Amino acid sequence: TDTIKRALENTQYSLDKSVLDVEIRNIALKESYLYAPMDGVVSVIAIKEGEAVNTQNGNAVVTLTKPNSLVFEA
């Protein structure tokens, strides 16, 4: 009957939409990693979650420190 056919189509549409949502989230997660050109430890994060980053002003957003290159004198 038409009612069952429409219900099936709606269910399939919801399933397809859910699958696409999961795939998009997986792609976003995969592309969200930040890679640095050197080994080190993040020592400063100059922004908060949700803030926009302007790459044109040259300000550092994240500072990496190489622990084996630190020198302390007393």
Protein backbone atom coordinates (compact mmCIF):
# COMPACT_ATOMS: atom_id res chain seq x y z
CA THR A 1 0.00 0.00 0.00
CA ASP A 2 1.00 3.65 -0.40
CA THR A 3 1.20 4.31 3.33
CA ILE A 4 3.69 1.50 3.90
CA LYS A 5 5.70 2.57 0.84
CA ARG A 6 5.93 6.17 2.12
CA ALA A 7 6.89 4.99 5.59
CA LEU A 8 9.63 2.81 4.10
CA GLU A 9 10.91 5.69 1.94
CA ASN A 10 10.96 8.02 4.96
CA THR A 11 12.83 5.45 7.02
CA GLN A 12 15.35 4.90 4.23
CA TYR A 13 15.82 8.67 3.87
CA SER A 14 16.48 8.99 7.62
CA LEU A 15 18.96 6.13 7.49
CA ASP A 16 20.78 7.61 4.48
CA LYS A 17 20.94 11.00 6.20
CA SER A 18 22.34 9.43 9.38
CA VAL A 19 25.00 7.55 7.42
CA LEU A 20 26.03 10.76 5.66
CA ASP A 21 26.21 12.62 8.99
CA VAL A 22 28.56 9.97 10.40
CA GLU A 23 30.73 10.04 7.27
CA ILE A 24 30.97 13.85 7.38
CA ARG A 25 31.91 13.78 11.08
CA ASN A 26 34.60 11.16 10.40
CA ILE A 27 36.07 13.28 7.60
CA ALA A 28 35.98 16.40 9.80
CA LEU A 29 37.73 14.53 12.63
CA LYS A 30 40.37 13.15 10.27
CA GLU A 31 41.08 16.61 8.86
CA SER A 32 41.06 18.37 12.25
CA TYR A 33 44.48 17.23 13.42
CA LEU A 34 47.26 19.82 13.52
CA TYR A 35 50.70 18.67 12.47
CA ALA A 36 53.90 20.52 13.39
CA PRO A 37 57.16 20.54 11.43
CA MET A 38 59.09 19.49 14.56
CA ASP A 39 58.76 17.32 17.64
CA GLY A 40 57.91 19.09 20.85
CA VAL A 41 55.39 19.80 23.57
CA VAL A 42 52.62 22.37 23.28
CA SER A 43 53.60 24.97 25.89
CA VAL A 44 51.21 27.82 25.05
CA ILE A 45 47.76 27.94 23.44
CA ALA A 46 46.85 31.57 22.78
CA ILE A 47 43.21 31.05 21.76
CA LYS A 48 40.09 29.59 23.30
CA GLU A 49 37.76 27.00 21.84
CA GLY A 50 35.44 28.56 19.27
CA GLU A 51 37.62 31.60 18.55
CA ALA A 52 38.53 32.41 14.96
CA VAL A 53 42.17 32.48 13.90
CA ASN A 54 43.55 35.21 11.66
CA THR A 55 46.59 33.91 9.82
CA GLN A 56 47.37 37.29 8.27
CA ASN A 57 48.57 39.08 11.43
CA GLY A 58 51.45 36.68 12.13
CA ASN A 59 50.62 36.16 15.82
CA ALA A 60 51.47 32.75 17.24
CA VAL A 61 48.44 30.68 18.16
CA VAL A 62 50.27 27.64 19.50
CA THR A 63 53.83 27.55 20.83
CA LEU A 64 55.86 24.34 20.75
CA THR A 65 58.82 23.74 23.03
CA LYS A 66 61.52 21.13 22.50
CA PRO A 67 62.22 19.86 26.02
CA ASN A 68 65.68 18.52 25.14
CA SER A 69 66.76 21.94 23.86
CA LEU A 70 66.01 23.89 27.06
CA VAL A 71 69.00 25.20 29.00
CA PHE A 72 68.78 26.46 32.57
CA GLU A 73 71.51 28.39 34.32
CA ALA A 74 71.58 29.26 37.98
